Amino acid sequence: MAQGKLKVKSKAPPNLKKGHGNKKKGTAFSKRKNAPIQSKKHKFEEAHKLKQVITKTVNKKNEDDIRKVAYEGQKNLSQAQLALQEHHRKQGQNDEAGSSK
């Protein structure tokens, strides 16, 4: 068996004014026209641009370093070595031309 009374929602008396307790409150902060608040999007865009600049700079530096390392392995021949190389190349061409006669 049920014990206790059935709970019923109470209704406000009909002669009570509805807007009695609702006074308009001011905003939490006031905006000043000379110092507007920037949106979050603006902040994220600036951060993204900064990251892009850093990425480009790092990539360019890495590419320069890689190119430097790649070209270090090549030997620079002296003038005498270049002349000898050219002489051997000409001799090879002359031998091929002489054997075709």
PDB file of N, CA and C in Angstrom:
ATOM      1  N   MET A   1       0.836  -1.172   0.000  1.00  0.00           N
ATOM      2  CA  MET A   1       0.000   0.000   0.000  1.00  0.00           C
ATOM      3  C   MET A   1       0.884   1.239   0.000  1.00  0.00           C
ATOM      4  N   ALA A   2       0.381   2.264  -0.623  1.00  0.00           N
ATOM      5  CA  ALA A   2       1.134   3.496  -0.731  1.00  0.00           C
ATOM      6  C   ALA A   2       1.137   4.221   0.598  1.00  0.00           C
ATOM      7  N   GLN A   3       2.298   4.737   0.926  1.00  0.00           N
ATOM      8  CA  GLN A   3       2.397   5.500   2.168  1.00  0.00           C
ATOM      9  C   GLN A   3       2.716   6.948   1.816  1.00  0.00           C
ATOM     10  N   GLY A   4       2.149   7.853   2.442  1.00  0.00           N
ATOM     11  CA  GLY A   4       2.391   9.266   2.195  1.00  0.00           C
ATOM     12  C   GLY A   4       1.455   9.814   1.148  1.00  0.00           C
ATOM     13  N   LYS A   5       1.538  11.120   0.987  1.00  0.00           N
ATOM     14  CA  LYS A   5       0.641  11.792   0.043  1.00  0.00           C
ATOM     15  C   LYS A   5       1.263  11.814  -1.342  1.00  0.00           C
ATOM     16  N   LEU A   6       0.427  11.939  -2.334  1.00  0.00           N
ATOM     17  CA  LEU A   6       0.876  12.077  -3.712  1.00  0.00           C
ATOM     18  C   LEU A   6       1.430  13.491  -3.893  1.00  0.00           C
ATOM     19  N   LYS A   7       2.638  13.602  -4.482  1.00  0.00           N
ATOM     20  CA  LYS A   7       3.246  14.923  -4.659  1.00  0.00           C
ATOM     21  C   LYS A   7       2.616  15.607  -5.859  1.00  0.00           C
ATOM     22  N   VAL A   8       2.179  16.823  -5.654  1.00  0.00           N
ATOM     23  CA  VAL A   8       1.537  17.593  -6.717  1.00  0.00           C
ATOM     24  C   VAL A   8       2.310  18.885  -6.897  1.00  0.00           C
ATOM     25  N   LYS A   9       2.532  19.272  -8.172  1.00  0.00           N
ATOM     26  CA  LYS A   9       3.231  20.535  -8.427  1.00  0.00           C
ATOM     27  C   LYS A   9       2.303  21.681  -8.063  1.00  0.00           C
ATOM     28  N   SER A  10       2.856  22.619  -7.338  1.00  0.00           N
ATOM     29  CA  SER A  10       2.020  23.758  -6.938  1.00  0.00           C
ATOM     30  C   SER A  10       1.973  24.780  -8.053  1.00  0.00           C
ATOM     31  N   LYS A  11       0.877  25.472  -8.154  1.00  0.00           N
ATOM     32  CA  LYS A  11       0.704  26.500  -9.170  1.00  0.00           C
ATOM     33  C   LYS A  11       0.753  27.857  -8.492  1.00  0.00           C
ATOM     34  N   ALA A  12       1.299  28.833  -9.234  1.00  0.00           N
ATOM     35  CA  ALA A  12       1.362  30.189  -8.696  1.00  0.00           C
ATOM     36  C   ALA A  12      -0.043  30.769  -8.669  1.00  0.00           C
ATOM     37  N   PRO A  13      -0.294  31.651  -7.719  1.00  0.00           N
ATOM     38  CA  PRO A  13      -1.608  32.284  -7.672  1.00  0.00           C
ATOM     39  C   PRO A  13      -1.861  33.097  -8.939  1.00  0.00           C
ATOM     40  N   PRO A  14      -3.091  33.147  -9.408  1.00  0.00           N
ATOM     41  CA  PRO A  14      -3.375  33.808 -10.689  1.00  0.00           C
ATOM     42  C   PRO A  14      -3.162  35.325 -10.666  1.00  0.00           C
ATOM     43  N   ASN A  15      -3.171  35.969  -9.508  1.00  0.00           N
ATOM     44  CA  ASN A  15      -3.018  37.420  -9.472  1.00  0.00           C
ATOM     45  C   ASN A  15      -1.548  37.867  -9.401  1.00  0.00           C
ATOM     46  N   LEU A  16      -0.594  36.942  -9.470  1.00  0.00           N
ATOM     47  CA  LEU A  16       0.837  37.274  -9.410  1.00  0.00           C
ATOM     48  C   LEU A  16       1.305  37.783 -10.773  1.00  0.00           C
ATOM     49  N   LYS A  17       2.057  38.889 -10.764  1.00  0.00           N
ATOM     50  CA  LYS A  17       2.587  39.432 -12.011  1.00  0.00           C
ATOM     51  C   LYS A  17       3.739  38.546 -12.498  1.00  0.00           C
ATOM     52  N   LYS A  18       3.807  38.328 -13.805  1.00  0.00           N
ATOM     53  CA  LYS A  18       4.818  37.408 -14.350  1.00  0.00           C
ATOM     54  C   LYS A  18       6.223  38.014 -14.374  1.00  0.00           C
ATOM     55  N   GLY A  19       6.378  39.271 -14.658  1.00  0.00           N
ATOM     56  CA  GLY A  19       7.695  39.871 -14.782  1.00  0.00           C
ATOM     57  C   GLY A  19       8.227  40.430 -13.481  1.00  0.00           C
ATOM     58  N   HIS A  20       7.685  40.050 -12.369  1.00  0.00           N
ATOM     59  CA  HIS A  20       8.028  40.639 -11.080  1.00  0.00           C
ATOM     60  C   HIS A  20       9.496  40.434 -10.716  1.00  0.00           C
ATOM     61  N   GLY A  21      10.011  39.208 -10.841  1.00  0.00           N
ATOM     62  CA  GLY A  21      11.365  38.931 -10.373  1.00  0.00           C
ATOM     63  C   GLY A  21      12.423  39.020 -11.458  1.00  0.00           C
ATOM     64  N   ASN A  22      12.060  39.283 -12.695  1.00  0.00           N
ATOM     65  CA  ASN A  22      13.027  39.289 -13.791  1.00  0.00           C
ATOM     66  C   ASN A  22      13.427  40.712 -14.154  1.00  0.00           C
ATOM     67  N   LYS A  23      14.437  41.216 -13.507  1.00  0.00           N
ATOM     68  CA  LYS A  23      14.981  42.523 -13.883  1.00  0.00           C
ATOM     69  C   LYS A  23      16.125  42.288 -14.859  1.00  0.00           C
ATOM     70  N   LYS A  24      16.264  43.162 -15.836  1.00  0.00           N
ATOM     71  CA  LYS A  24      17.336  42.994 -16.813  1.00  0.00           C
ATOM     72  C   LYS A  24      18.669  43.311 -16.162  1.00  0.00           C
ATOM     73  N   LYS A  25      19.592  42.384 -16.331  1.00  0.00           N
ATOM     74  CA  LYS A  25      20.924  42.583 -15.790  1.00  0.00           C
ATOM     75  C   LYS A  25      21.828  43.063 -16.913  1.00  0.00           C
ATOM     76  N   GLY A  26      22.840  43.787 -16.560  1.00  0.00           N
ATOM     77  CA  GLY A  26      23.796  44.274 -17.550  1.00  0.00           C
ATOM     78  C   GLY A  26      24.677  43.138 -18.049  1.00  0.00           C
ATOM     79  N   THR A  27      25.402  43.394 -19.142  1.00  0.00           N
ATOM     80  CA  THR A  27      26.288  42.369 -19.678  1.00  0.00           C
ATOM     81  C   THR A  27      27.473  42.181 -18.740  1.00  0.00           C
ATOM     82  N   ALA A  28      28.150  41.044 -18.867  1.00  0.00           N
ATOM     83  CA  ALA A  28      29.275  40.730 -17.998  1.00  0.00           C
ATOM     84  C   ALA A  28      30.420  41.727 -18.198  1.00  0.00           C
ATOM     85  N   PHE A  29      30.596  42.182 -19.418  1.00  0.00           N
ATOM     86  CA  PHE A  29      31.611  43.202 -19.687  1.00  0.00           C
ATOM     87  C   PHE A  29      31.077  44.111 -20.778  1.00  0.00           C
ATOM     88  N   SER A  30      31.564  45.301 -20.796  1.00  0.00           N
ATOM     89  CA  SER A  30      31.096  46.231 -21.823  1.00  0.00           C
ATOM     90  C   SER A  30      32.181  46.374 -22.885  1.00  0.00           C
ATOM     91  N   LYS A  31      31.743  46.451 -24.114  1.00  0.00           N
ATOM     92  CA  LYS A  31      32.689  46.609 -25.213  1.00  0.00           C
ATOM     93  C   LYS A  31      32.989  48.091 -25.389  1.00  0.00           C
ATOM     94  N   ARG A  32      34.259  48.347 -25.552  1.00  0.00           N
ATOM     95  CA  ARG A  32      34.644  49.722 -25.854  1.00  0.00           C
ATOM     96  C   ARG A  32      34.882  49.803 -27.352  1.00  0.00           C
ATOM     97  N   LYS A  33      34.382  50.834 -27.949  1.00  0.00           N
ATOM     98  CA  LYS A  33      34.512  50.949 -29.396  1.00  0.00           C
ATOM     99  C   LYS A  33      35.957  51.154 -29.825  1.00  0.00           C
ATOM    100  N   ASN A  34      36.752  51.755 -28.976  1.00  0.00           N
ATOM    101  CA  ASN A  34      38.138  52.004 -29.362  1.00  0.00           C
ATOM    102  C   ASN A  34      39.041  50.791 -29.087  1.00  0.00           C
ATOM    103  N   ALA A  35      38.547  49.755 -28.434  1.00  0.00           N
ATOM    104  CA  ALA A  35      39.331  48.553 -28.182  1.00  0.00           C
ATOM    105  C   ALA A  35      38.448  47.327 -28.386  1.00  0.00           C
ATOM    106  N   PRO A  36      38.129  46.997 -29.649  1.00  0.00           N
ATOM    107  CA  PRO A  36      37.260  45.842 -29.878  1.00  0.00           C
ATOM    108  C   PRO A  36      37.979  44.531 -29.573  1.00  0.00           C
ATOM    109  N   ILE A  37      37.235  43.537 -29.189  1.00  0.00           N
ATOM    110  CA  ILE A  37      37.795  42.232 -28.887  1.00  0.00           C
ATOM    111  C   ILE A  37      37.916  41.453 -30.184  1.00  0.00           C
ATOM    112  N   GLN A  38      39.117  40.899 -30.425  1.00  0.00           N
ATOM    113  CA  GLN A  38      39.332  40.151 -31.653  1.00  0.00           C
ATOM    114  C   GLN A  38      38.708  38.764 -31.521  1.00  0.00           C
ATOM    115  N   SER A  39      38.271  38.235 -32.643  1.00  0.00           N
ATOM    116  CA  SER A  39      37.660  36.917 -32.639  1.00  0.00           C
ATOM    117  C   SER A  39      38.724  35.837 -32.467  1.00  0.00           C
ATOM    118  N   LYS A  40      38.280  34.654 -32.087  1.00  0.00           N
ATOM    119  CA  LYS A  40      39.206  33.533 -31.937  1.00  0.00           C
ATOM    120  C   LYS A  40      39.795  33.145 -33.289  1.00  0.00           C
ATOM    121  N   LYS A  41      39.009  33.304 -34.339  1.00  0.00           N
ATOM    122  CA  LYS A  41      39.470  32.948 -35.675  1.00  0.00           C
ATOM    123  C   LYS A  41      40.721  33.745 -36.037  1.00  0.00           C
ATOM    124  N   HIS A  42      40.726  35.025 -35.690  1.00  0.00           N
ATOM    125  CA  HIS A  42      41.872  35.881 -35.980  1.00  0.00           C
ATOM    126  C   HIS A  42      43.126  35.344 -35.285  1.00  0.00           C
ATOM    127  N   LYS A  43      42.971  34.919 -34.052  1.00  0.00           N
ATOM    128  CA  LYS A  43      44.101  34.389 -33.283  1.00  0.00           C
ATOM    129  C   LYS A  43      44.648  33.123 -33.934  1.00  0.00           C
ATOM    130  N   PHE A  44      43.750  32.219 -34.358  1.00  0.00           N
ATOM    131  CA  PHE A  44      44.176  30.972 -34.979  1.00  0.00           C
ATOM    132  C   PHE A  44      44.817  31.221 -36.338  1.00  0.00           C
ATOM    133  N   GLU A  45      44.304  32.207 -37.082  1.00  0.00           N
ATOM    134  CA  GLU A  45      44.888  32.521 -38.381  1.00  0.00           C
ATOM    135  C   GLU A  45      46.315  33.030 -38.219  1.00  0.00           C
ATOM    136  N   GLU A  46      46.542  33.877 -37.228  1.00  0.00           N
ATOM    137  CA  GLU A  46      47.890  34.389 -36.994  1.00  0.00           C
ATOM    138  C   GLU A  46      48.837  33.258 -36.624  1.00  0.00           C
ATOM    139  N   ALA A  47      48.379  32.351 -35.772  1.00  0.00           N
ATOM    140  CA  ALA A  47      49.216  31.221 -35.372  1.00  0.00           C
ATOM    141  C   ALA A  47      49.532  30.345 -36.586  1.00  0.00           C
ATOM    142  N   HIS A  48      48.548  30.132 -37.448  1.00  0.00           N
ATOM    143  CA  HIS A  48      48.737  29.305 -38.638  1.00  0.00           C
ATOM    144  C   HIS A  48      49.747  29.953 -39.593  1.00  0.00           C
ATOM    145  N   LYS A  49      49.632  31.266 -39.777  1.00  0.00           N
ATOM    146  CA  LYS A  49      50.574  31.971 -40.651  1.00  0.00           C
ATOM    147  C   LYS A  49      51.999  31.871 -40.107  1.00  0.00           C
ATOM    148  N   LEU A  50      52.133  32.024 -38.797  1.00  0.00           N
ATOM    149  CA  LEU A  50      53.450  31.928 -38.173  1.00  0.00           C
ATOM    150  C   LEU A  50      54.039  30.536 -38.374  1.00  0.00           C
ATOM    151  N   LYS A  51      53.212  29.505 -38.211  1.00  0.00           N
ATOM    152  CA  LYS A  51      53.690  28.133 -38.416  1.00  0.00           C
ATOM    153  C   LYS A  51      54.131  27.920 -39.853  1.00  0.00           C
ATOM    154  N   GLN A  52      53.383  28.491 -40.816  1.00  0.00           N
ATOM    155  CA  GLN A  52      53.754  28.347 -42.223  1.00  0.00           C
ATOM    156  C   GLN A  52      55.098  29.010 -42.510  1.00  0.00           C
ATOM    157  N   VAL A  53      55.323  30.186 -41.958  1.00  0.00           N
ATOM    158  CA  VAL A  53      56.587  30.895 -42.175  1.00  0.00           C
ATOM    159  C   VAL A  53      57.743  30.081 -41.601  1.00  0.00           C
ATOM    160  N   ILE A  54      57.546  29.548 -40.410  1.00  0.00           N
ATOM    161  CA  ILE A  54      58.594  28.741 -39.774  1.00  0.00           C
ATOM    162  C   ILE A  54      58.867  27.490 -40.606  1.00  0.00           C
ATOM    163  N   THR A  55      57.807  26.840 -41.081  1.00  0.00           N
ATOM    164  CA  THR A  55      57.961  25.631 -41.894  1.00  0.00           C
ATOM    165  C   THR A  55      58.747  25.928 -43.166  1.00  0.00           C
ATOM    166  N   LYS A  56      58.396  27.023 -43.836  1.00  0.00           N
ATOM    167  CA  LYS A  56      59.102  27.387 -45.068  1.00  0.00           C
ATOM    168  C   LYS A  56      60.580  27.646 -44.788  1.00  0.00           C
ATOM    169  N   THR A  57      60.858  28.357 -43.698  1.00  0.00           N
ATOM    170  CA  THR A  57      62.242  28.685 -43.358  1.00  0.00           C
ATOM    171  C   THR A  57      63.041  27.421 -43.060  1.00  0.00           C
ATOM    172  N   VAL A  58      62.456  26.536 -42.273  1.00  0.00           N
ATOM    173  CA  VAL A  58      63.149  25.289 -41.918  1.00  0.00           C
ATOM    174  C   VAL A  58      63.378  24.431 -43.155  1.00  0.00           C
ATOM    175  N   ASN A  59      62.371  24.321 -44.019  1.00  0.00           N
ATOM    176  CA  ASN A  59      62.519  23.515 -45.235  1.00  0.00           C
ATOM    177  C   ASN A  59      63.612  24.069 -46.145  1.00  0.00           C
ATOM    178  N   LYS A  60      63.651  25.398 -46.276  1.00  0.00           N
ATOM    179  CA  LYS A  60      64.666  26.021 -47.125  1.00  0.00           C
ATOM    180  C   LYS A  60      66.069  25.774 -46.565  1.00  0.00           C
ATOM    181  N   LYS A  61      66.210  25.911 -45.255  1.00  0.00           N
ATOM    182  CA  LYS A  61      67.504  25.683 -44.615  1.00  0.00           C
ATOM    183  C   LYS A  61      67.931  24.230 -44.792  1.00  0.00           C
ATOM    184  N   ASN A  62      66.992  23.298 -44.603  1.00  0.00           N
ATOM    185  CA  ASN A  62      67.312  21.879 -44.772  1.00  0.00           C
ATOM    186  C   ASN A  62      67.734  21.579 -46.211  1.00  0.00           C
ATOM    187  N   GLU A  63      67.026  22.170 -47.161  1.00  0.00           N
ATOM    188  CA  GLU A  63      67.368  21.941 -48.560  1.00  0.00           C
ATOM    189  C   GLU A  63      68.765  22.463 -48.869  1.00  0.00           C
ATOM    190  N   ASP A  64      69.099  23.636 -48.349  1.00  0.00           N
ATOM    191  CA  ASP A  64      70.440  24.191 -48.564  1.00  0.00           C
ATOM    192  C   ASP A  64      71.507  23.275 -47.969  1.00  0.00           C
ATOM    193  N   ASP A  65      71.240  22.762 -46.758  1.00  0.00           N
ATOM    194  CA  ASP A  65      72.199  21.865 -46.104  1.00  0.00           C
ATOM    195  C   ASP A  65      72.379  20.575 -46.903  1.00  0.00           C
ATOM    196  N   ILE A  66      71.280  20.027 -47.399  1.00  0.00           N
ATOM    197  CA  ILE A  66      71.355  18.784 -48.172  1.00  0.00           C
ATOM    198  C   ILE A  66      72.122  19.002 -49.473  1.00  0.00           C
ATOM    199  N   ARG A  67      71.842  20.134 -50.125  1.00  0.00           N
ATOM    200  CA  ARG A  67      72.575  20.432 -51.361  1.00  0.00           C
ATOM    201  C   ARG A  67      74.073  20.599 -51.087  1.00  0.00           C
ATOM    202  N   LYS A  68      74.405  21.240 -49.989  1.00  0.00           N
ATOM    203  CA  LYS A  68      75.804  21.452 -49.629  1.00  0.00           C
ATOM    204  C   LYS A  68      76.498  20.115 -49.419  1.00  0.00           C
ATOM    205  N   VAL A  69      75.836  19.207 -48.687  1.00  0.00           N
ATOM    206  CA  VAL A  69      76.416  17.889 -48.433  1.00  0.00           C
ATOM    207  C   VAL A  69      76.546  17.102 -49.737  1.00  0.00           C
ATOM    208  N   ALA A  70      75.565  17.209 -50.612  1.00  0.00           N
ATOM    209  CA  ALA A  70      75.595  16.470 -51.875  1.00  0.00           C
ATOM    210  C   ALA A  70      76.740  16.944 -52.765  1.00  0.00           C
ATOM    211  N   TYR A  71      77.002  18.221 -52.789  1.00  0.00           N
ATOM    212  CA  TYR A  71      78.057  18.743 -53.651  1.00  0.00           C
ATOM    213  C   TYR A  71      79.437  18.624 -53.027  1.00  0.00           C
ATOM    214  N   GLU A  72      79.520  18.345 -51.713  1.00  0.00           N
ATOM    215  CA  GLU A  72      80.831  18.171 -51.079  1.00  0.00           C
ATOM    216  C   GLU A  72      81.516  16.916 -51.589  1.00  0.00           C
ATOM    217  N   GLY A  73      80.750  15.901 -51.964  1.00  0.00           N
ATOM    218  CA  GLY A  73      81.325  14.644 -52.436  1.00  0.00           C
ATOM    219  C   GLY A  73      81.996  14.771 -53.799  1.00  0.00           C
ATOM    220  N   GLN A  74      81.647  15.774 -54.570  1.00  0.00           N
ATOM    221  CA  GLN A  74      82.250  15.939 -55.885  1.00  0.00           C
ATOM    222  C   GLN A  74      83.632  16.562 -55.746  1.00  0.00           C
ATOM    223  N   LYS A  75      84.554  16.038 -56.535  1.00  0.00           N
ATOM    224  CA  LYS A  75      85.917  16.565 -56.473  1.00  0.00           C
ATOM    225  C   LYS A  75      86.087  17.629 -57.544  1.00  0.00           C
ATOM    226  N   ASN A  76      86.728  18.700 -57.176  1.00  0.00           N
ATOM    227  CA  ASN A  76      87.043  19.743 -58.143  1.00  0.00           C
ATOM    228  C   ASN A  76      88.401  19.403 -58.761  1.00  0.00           C
ATOM    229  N   LEU A  77      88.415  19.222 -60.050  1.00  0.00           N
ATOM    230  CA  LEU A  77      89.651  18.864 -60.734  1.00  0.00           C
ATOM    231  C   LEU A  77      90.476  20.118 -61.008  1.00  0.00           C
ATOM    232  N   SER A  78      91.781  19.949 -60.944  1.00  0.00           N
ATOM    233  CA  SER A  78      92.670  21.067 -61.241  1.00  0.00           C
ATOM    234  C   SER A  78      92.716  21.275 -62.755  1.00  0.00           C
ATOM    235  N   GLN A  79      93.366  22.336 -63.200  1.00  0.00           N
ATOM    236  CA  GLN A  79      93.464  22.642 -64.627  1.00  0.00           C
ATOM    237  C   GLN A  79      94.205  21.533 -65.365  1.00  0.00           C
ATOM    238  N   ALA A  80      95.263  20.999 -64.753  1.00  0.00           N
ATOM    239  CA  ALA A  80      96.043  19.936 -65.393  1.00  0.00           C
ATOM    240  C   ALA A  80      95.191  18.674 -65.547  1.00  0.00           C
ATOM    241  N   GLN A  81      94.426  18.342 -64.518  1.00  0.00           N
ATOM    242  CA  GLN A  81      93.581  17.150 -64.584  1.00  0.00           C
ATOM    243  C   GLN A  81      92.489  17.310 -65.646  1.00  0.00           C
ATOM    244  N   LEU A  82      91.925  18.541 -65.732  1.00  0.00           N
ATOM    245  CA  LEU A  82      90.910  18.799 -66.762  1.00  0.00           C
ATOM    246  C   LEU A  82      91.510  18.676 -68.150  1.00  0.00           C
ATOM    247  N   ALA A  83      92.737  19.185 -68.341  1.00  0.00           N
ATOM    248  CA  ALA A  83      93.398  19.110 -69.646  1.00  0.00           C
ATOM    249  C   ALA A  83      93.669  17.647 -70.010  1.00  0.00           C
ATOM    250  N   LEU A  84      94.124  16.836 -69.035  1.00  0.00           N
ATOM    251  CA  LEU A  84      94.381  15.432 -69.275  1.00  0.00           C
ATOM    252  C   LEU A  84      93.099  14.691 -69.651  1.00  0.00           C
ATOM    253  N   GLN A  85      92.023  15.001 -68.955  1.00  0.00           N
ATOM    254  CA  GLN A  85      90.720  14.392 -69.235  1.00  0.00           C
ATOM    255  C   GLN A  85      90.269  14.741 -70.660  1.00  0.00           C
ATOM    256  N   GLU A  86      90.448  15.991 -71.055  1.00  0.00           N
ATOM    257  CA  GLU A  86      90.074  16.443 -72.403  1.00  0.00           C
ATOM    258  C   GLU A  86      90.941  15.749 -73.460  1.00  0.00           C
ATOM    259  N   HIS A  87      92.239  15.577 -73.157  1.00  0.00           N
ATOM    260  CA  HIS A  87      93.159  14.919 -74.076  1.00  0.00           C
ATOM    261  C   HIS A  87      92.735  13.469 -74.321  1.00  0.00           C
ATOM    262  N   HIS A  88      92.401  12.755 -73.255  1.00  0.00           N
ATOM    263  CA  HIS A  88      91.972  11.365 -73.382  1.00  0.00           C
ATOM    264  C   HIS A  88      90.660  11.261 -74.155  1.00  0.00           C
ATOM    265  N   ARG A  89      89.785  12.209 -73.951  1.00  0.00           N
ATOM    266  CA  ARG A  89      88.505  12.201 -74.674  1.00  0.00           C
ATOM    267  C   ARG A  89      88.752  12.399 -76.173  1.00  0.00           C
ATOM    268  N   LYS A  90      89.660  13.322 -76.526  1.00  0.00           N
ATOM    269  CA  LYS A  90      89.979  13.568 -77.936  1.00  0.00           C
ATOM    270  C   LYS A  90      90.663  12.354 -78.561  1.00  0.00           C
ATOM    271  N   GLN A  91      91.541  11.714 -77.810  1.00  0.00           N
ATOM    272  CA  GLN A  91      92.218  10.526 -78.321  1.00  0.00           C
ATOM    273  C   GLN A  91      91.214   9.423 -78.623  1.00  0.00           C
ATOM    274  N   GLY A  92      90.231   9.286 -77.747  1.00  0.00           N
ATOM    275  CA  GLY A  92      89.193   8.278 -77.970  1.00  0.00           C
ATOM    276  C   GLY A  92      88.408   8.564 -79.231  1.00  0.00           C
ATOM    277  N   GLN A  93      88.129   9.810 -79.490  1.00  0.00           N
ATOM    278  CA  GLN A  93      87.393  10.177 -80.708  1.00  0.00           C
ATOM    279  C   GLN A  93      88.267   9.938 -81.942  1.00  0.00           C
ATOM    280  N   ASN A  94      89.565  10.258 -81.861  1.00  0.00           N
ATOM    281  CA  ASN A  94      90.471  10.065 -82.981  1.00  0.00           C
ATOM    282  C   ASN A  94      90.630   8.577 -83.291  1.00  0.00           C
ATOM    283  N   ASP A  95      90.705   7.737 -82.280  1.00  0.00           N
ATOM    284  CA  ASP A  95      90.841   6.296 -82.489  1.00  0.00           C
ATOM    285  C   ASP A  95      89.628   5.745 -83.214  1.00  0.00           C
ATOM    286  N   GLU A  96      88.428   6.203 -82.826  1.00  0.00           N
ATOM    287  CA  GLU A  96      87.214   5.735 -83.479  1.00  0.00           C
ATOM    288  C   GLU A  96      87.148   6.204 -84.915  1.00  0.00           C
ATOM    289  N   ALA A  97      87.570   7.435 -85.165  1.00  0.00           N
ATOM    290  CA  ALA A  97      87.564   7.985 -86.532  1.00  0.00           C
ATOM    291  C   ALA A  97      88.613   7.292 -87.382  1.00  0.00           C
ATOM    292  N   GLY A  98      89.791   6.949 -86.832  1.00  0.00           N
ATOM    293  CA  GLY A  98      90.871   6.287 -87.568  1.00  0.00           C
ATOM    294  C   GLY A  98      90.525   4.865 -87.898  1.00  0.00           C
ATOM    295  N   SER A  99      89.791   4.188 -87.054  1.00  0.00           N
ATOM    296  CA  SER A  99      89.476   2.771 -87.314  1.00  0.00           C
ATOM    297  C   SER A  99      88.373   2.643 -88.339  1.00  0.00           C
ATOM    298  N   SER A 100      87.590   3.679 -88.555  1.00  0.00           N
ATOM    299  CA  SER A 100      86.510   3.613 -89.529  1.00  0.00           C
ATOM    300  C   SER A 100      87.010   3.853 -90.953  1.00  0.00           C
ATOM    301  N   LYS A 101      88.284   4.324 -91.153  1.00  0.00           N
ATOM    302  CA  LYS A 101      88.836   4.611 -92.482  1.00  0.00           C
ATOM    303  C   LYS A 101      89.081   3.371 -93.263  1.00  0.00           C
TER     304      LYS A 101
END
